[in-house]
Amino acid sequence: MWKNHLLEKVKEFKHPAWGISHFERVYALSLELAEKEGLELNEDALFAAAYLHDIGAFPPYKMEGTDHAEISTIHYSGLLHEIGFPKESISLVGEIIKGHMFYSKPTHTPESRIFHDADTLDFMGTIGIARILSIVGIDDWTPDLKAAIALIEKFTKDLPRSLHYSSSKIMGKERLFEMHLFLESFYKETGGGKYI
């Protein structure tokens, strides 16, 4: 029952790079990685974290100059209490949210580490490229195409290093290959970046 209430609360969080479809992918990928690693995780906590980890990036929660993960950790608990989420798992949801970004350090719990890897992997490969290109001109990460390509290049170096589990690293290698193929073709078709 609480899941339906949660989905109702977040249905307005639409964004080309971090909206409902991103929430769904990260949840599914967390479960896939957990299965590959043979981990039994708190799926309720993962589900709640998947749909609440980026709420700090959306109005009415968004605050300029404050990391969205920090804002999300302020508001998630009240929302979960409202919908009747199991009280014993609320703090775990907060741990997962707090450490979800690739530049953050997840806690020691397998839920936090798996979710961190899943969220990081969603910034890699073809889907990661699509997400970055979808926010060109609408987000300060990517004011223009040149900045988006630079971010993709940066992610090829930074993101694989932040993965924790062996199955995440294997998937990361596959997605990294896709990113390198894209960049190679992109530079070939733009005169080595001269015509971006």
Protein backbone atom coordinates (compact mmCIF):
# COMPACT_ATOMS: atom_id res chain seq x y z
CA MET A 1 0.00 0.00 0.00
CA TRP A 2 2.77 2.45 0.92
CA LYS A 3 4.40 1.89 -2.49
CA ASN A 4 1.31 3.22 -4.27
CA HIS A 5 1.30 6.28 -2.01
CA LEU A 6 4.99 6.85 -2.70
CA LEU A 7 4.52 6.57 -6.46
CA GLU A 8 1.66 9.05 -6.22
CA LYS A 9 3.87 11.54 -4.34
CA VAL A 10 6.71 11.40 -6.87
CA LYS A 11 4.73 11.19 -10.12
CA GLU A 12 5.30 14.90 -10.83
CA PHE A 13 9.10 14.59 -10.66
CA LYS A 14 9.72 14.70 -14.40
CA HIS A 15 13.14 15.41 -15.83
CA PRO A 16 15.00 14.06 -18.86
CA ALA A 17 17.96 12.85 -16.77
CA TRP A 18 16.78 12.30 -13.19
CA GLY A 19 13.07 11.61 -13.09
CA ILE A 20 10.79 8.60 -12.77
CA SER A 21 12.49 6.53 -15.48
CA HIS A 22 15.85 7.04 -13.74
CA PHE A 23 14.27 5.98 -10.42
CA GLU A 24 12.92 2.82 -12.07
CA ARG A 25 16.22 1.95 -13.73
CA VAL A 26 18.27 2.41 -10.56
CA TYR A 27 15.90 0.23 -8.53
CA ALA A 28 15.92 -2.54 -11.17
CA LEU A 29 19.70 -2.33 -11.50
CA SER A 30 20.15 -2.48 -7.71
CA LEU A 31 18.18 -5.73 -7.64
CA GLU A 32 20.09 -7.13 -10.60
CA LEU A 33 23.47 -6.37 -9.00
CA ALA A 34 22.33 -7.79 -5.65
CA GLU A 35 21.29 -11.03 -7.35
CA LYS A 36 24.62 -11.29 -9.16
CA GLU A 37 26.46 -10.72 -5.87
CA GLY A 38 24.25 -13.20 -4.00
CA LEU A 39 23.09 -10.53 -1.55
CA GLU A 40 19.77 -10.49 0.28
CA LEU A 41 18.87 -6.85 0.69
CA ASN A 42 16.07 -4.83 2.19
CA GLU A 43 14.05 -4.32 -0.99
CA ASP A 44 11.62 -1.94 0.71
CA ALA A 45 14.49 0.38 1.61
CA LEU A 46 15.91 0.15 -1.91
CA PHE A 47 12.53 0.90 -3.47
CA ALA A 48 11.93 3.93 -1.23
CA ALA A 49 15.46 5.23 -1.81
CA ALA A 50 15.11 4.78 -5.57
CA TYR A 51 12.07 7.02 -5.69
CA LEU A 52 13.27 9.59 -3.13
CA HIS A 53 17.04 9.90 -3.67
CA ASP A 54 16.75 12.81 -6.11
CA ILE A 55 13.77 14.71 -4.66
CA GLY A 56 16.16 17.46 -3.57
CA ALA A 57 16.62 18.28 -7.27
CA PHE A 58 12.93 19.14 -7.70
CA PRO A 59 10.65 21.91 -6.46
CA PRO A 60 9.44 22.42 -3.79
CA TYR A 61 12.54 20.86 -2.21
CA LYS A 62 15.30 22.19 -4.47
CA MET A 63 17.59 24.81 -2.91
CA GLU A 64 20.16 26.62 -5.07
CA GLY A 65 23.71 26.07 -3.86
CA THR A 66 22.87 22.94 -1.82
CA ASP A 67 23.60 19.41 -2.98
CA HIS A 68 20.36 17.65 -3.91
CA ALA A 69 21.36 14.51 -1.94
CA GLU A 70 21.69 16.59 1.22
CA ILE A 71 18.25 18.10 0.65
CA SER A 72 16.78 14.67 -0.06
CA THR A 73 18.12 13.36 3.27
CA ILE A 74 16.31 16.19 5.05
CA HIS A 75 12.90 15.45 3.53
CA TYR A 76 12.71 11.69 2.90
CA SER A 77 11.83 10.71 6.48
CA GLY A 78 8.74 12.89 6.76
CA LEU A 79 7.46 11.60 3.44
CA LEU A 80 7.96 7.98 4.50
CA HIS A 81 6.17 8.54 7.83
CA GLU A 82 3.21 10.06 5.95
CA ILE A 83 2.73 6.99 3.74
CA GLY A 84 3.11 4.32 6.42
CA PHE A 85 6.53 3.02 5.37
CA PRO A 86 7.98 0.44 7.82
CA LYS A 87 9.59 2.50 10.61
CA GLU A 88 12.44 0.05 11.18
CA SER A 89 13.77 0.68 7.65
CA ILE A 90 13.56 4.49 7.54
CA SER A 91 17.12 5.14 8.71
CA LEU A 92 18.50 2.70 6.12
CA VAL A 93 16.72 4.65 3.37
CA GLY A 94 18.51 7.76 4.63
CA GLU A 95 21.89 6.01 4.49
CA ILE A 96 21.23 4.91 0.92
CA ILE A 97 20.17 8.40 -0.18
CA LYS A 98 23.08 10.16 1.52
CA GLY A 99 25.72 8.06 -0.25
CA HIS A 100 24.09 7.56 -3.63
CA MET A 101 26.14 9.95 -5.79
CA PHE A 102 29.31 8.78 -7.51
CA TYR A 103 31.33 11.39 -5.61
CA SER A 104 29.89 10.30 -2.25
CA LYS A 105 31.07 7.53 0.03
CA PRO A 106 28.32 5.01 0.76
CA THR A 107 28.01 3.47 4.21
CA HIS A 108 29.10 -0.09 4.98
CA THR A 109 25.60 -1.52 4.38
CA PRO A 110 25.24 -3.59 1.21
CA GLU A 111 22.07 -1.64 0.33
CA SER A 112 23.98 1.65 0.34
CA ARG A 113 26.89 0.26 -1.68
CA ILE A 114 24.71 -1.54 -4.24
CA PHE A 115 22.53 1.52 -4.75
CA HIS A 116 25.61 3.76 -5.10
CA ASP A 117 26.92 1.43 -7.83
CA ALA A 118 23.55 1.30 -9.62
CA ASP A 119 23.19 5.08 -9.61
CA THR A 120 26.77 5.45 -10.87
CA LEU A 121 26.22 2.91 -13.65
CA ASP A 122 23.18 4.88 -14.81
CA PHE A 123 25.62 7.69 -15.67
CA MET A 124 27.67 5.30 -17.80
CA GLY A 125 27.22 3.64 -21.18
CA THR A 126 24.64 4.60 -23.77
CA ILE A 127 22.05 5.54 -21.15
CA GLY A 128 24.57 7.75 -19.34
CA ILE A 129 25.42 9.54 -22.59
CA ALA A 130 21.72 9.98 -23.41
CA ARG A 131 21.08 11.43 -19.95
CA ILE A 132 23.94 13.91 -20.22
CA LEU A 133 22.97 15.03 -23.71
CA SER A 134 19.33 15.39 -22.64
CA ILE A 135 20.24 18.20 -20.23
CA VAL A 136 22.36 20.32 -22.57
CA GLY A 137 21.33 23.93 -22.06
CA ILE A 138 18.97 23.15 -19.18
CA ASP A 139 21.39 22.23 -16.42
CA ASP A 140 24.53 23.93 -15.10
CA TRP A 141 26.48 20.67 -15.58
CA THR A 142 26.02 21.01 -19.34
CA PRO A 143 25.47 24.58 -20.53
CA ASP A 144 26.38 23.53 -24.08
CA LEU A 145 27.39 20.52 -26.16
CA LYS A 146 31.11 21.11 -25.59
CA ALA A 147 30.58 20.96 -21.81
CA ALA A 148 28.49 17.79 -22.18
CA ILE A 149 31.25 16.04 -24.15
CA ALA A 150 33.82 17.14 -21.57
CA LEU A 151 31.59 15.70 -18.82
CA ILE A 152 31.27 12.38 -20.66
CA GLU A 153 35.06 12.25 -20.95
CA LYS A 154 35.44 13.06 -17.25
CA PHE A 155 32.95 10.32 -16.37
CA THR A 156 34.97 7.76 -18.35
CA LYS A 157 37.83 8.42 -15.95
CA ASP A 158 36.03 9.06 -12.64
CA LEU A 159 33.05 6.72 -12.54
CA PRO A 160 34.68 3.28 -12.93
CA ARG A 161 36.87 4.05 -9.89
CA SER A 162 33.84 4.60 -7.66
CA LEU A 163 32.26 1.16 -8.23
CA HIS A 164 32.42 -1.33 -5.33
CA TYR A 165 31.13 -4.75 -6.36
CA SER A 166 32.74 -7.08 -8.91
CA SER A 167 29.51 -7.39 -10.93
CA SER A 168 29.27 -3.56 -10.98
CA LYS A 169 32.83 -3.33 -12.27
CA ILE A 170 32.13 -5.88 -15.01
CA MET A 171 29.06 -3.94 -16.10
CA GLY A 172 31.05 -0.72 -15.78
CA LYS A 173 33.67 -2.05 -18.24
CA GLU A 174 30.94 -2.80 -20.78
CA ARG A 175 29.42 0.63 -20.38
CA LEU A 176 32.83 2.30 -20.47
CA PHE A 177 33.47 0.61 -23.83
CA GLU A 178 30.22 2.13 -25.15
CA MET A 179 31.33 5.57 -23.97
CA HIS A 180 34.72 5.26 -25.64
CA LEU A 181 33.09 4.16 -28.90
CA PHE A 182 30.78 7.17 -28.79
CA LEU A 183 33.62 9.61 -28.08
CA GLU A 184 35.78 8.12 -30.83
CA SER A 185 32.97 8.51 -33.38
CA PHE A 186 32.03 11.94 -32.10
CA TYR A 187 35.56 13.30 -32.48
CA LYS A 188 35.94 11.66 -35.89
CA GLU A 189 32.76 13.38 -37.09
CA THR A 190 33.60 16.80 -35.64
CA GLY A 191 37.16 17.21 -36.88
CA GLY A 192 38.66 16.14 -33.56
CA GLY A 193 36.23 18.40 -31.72
CA LYS A 194 36.99 21.43 -33.87
CA TYR A 195 33.43 21.65 -35.15
CA ILE A 196 31.43 21.20 -31.97
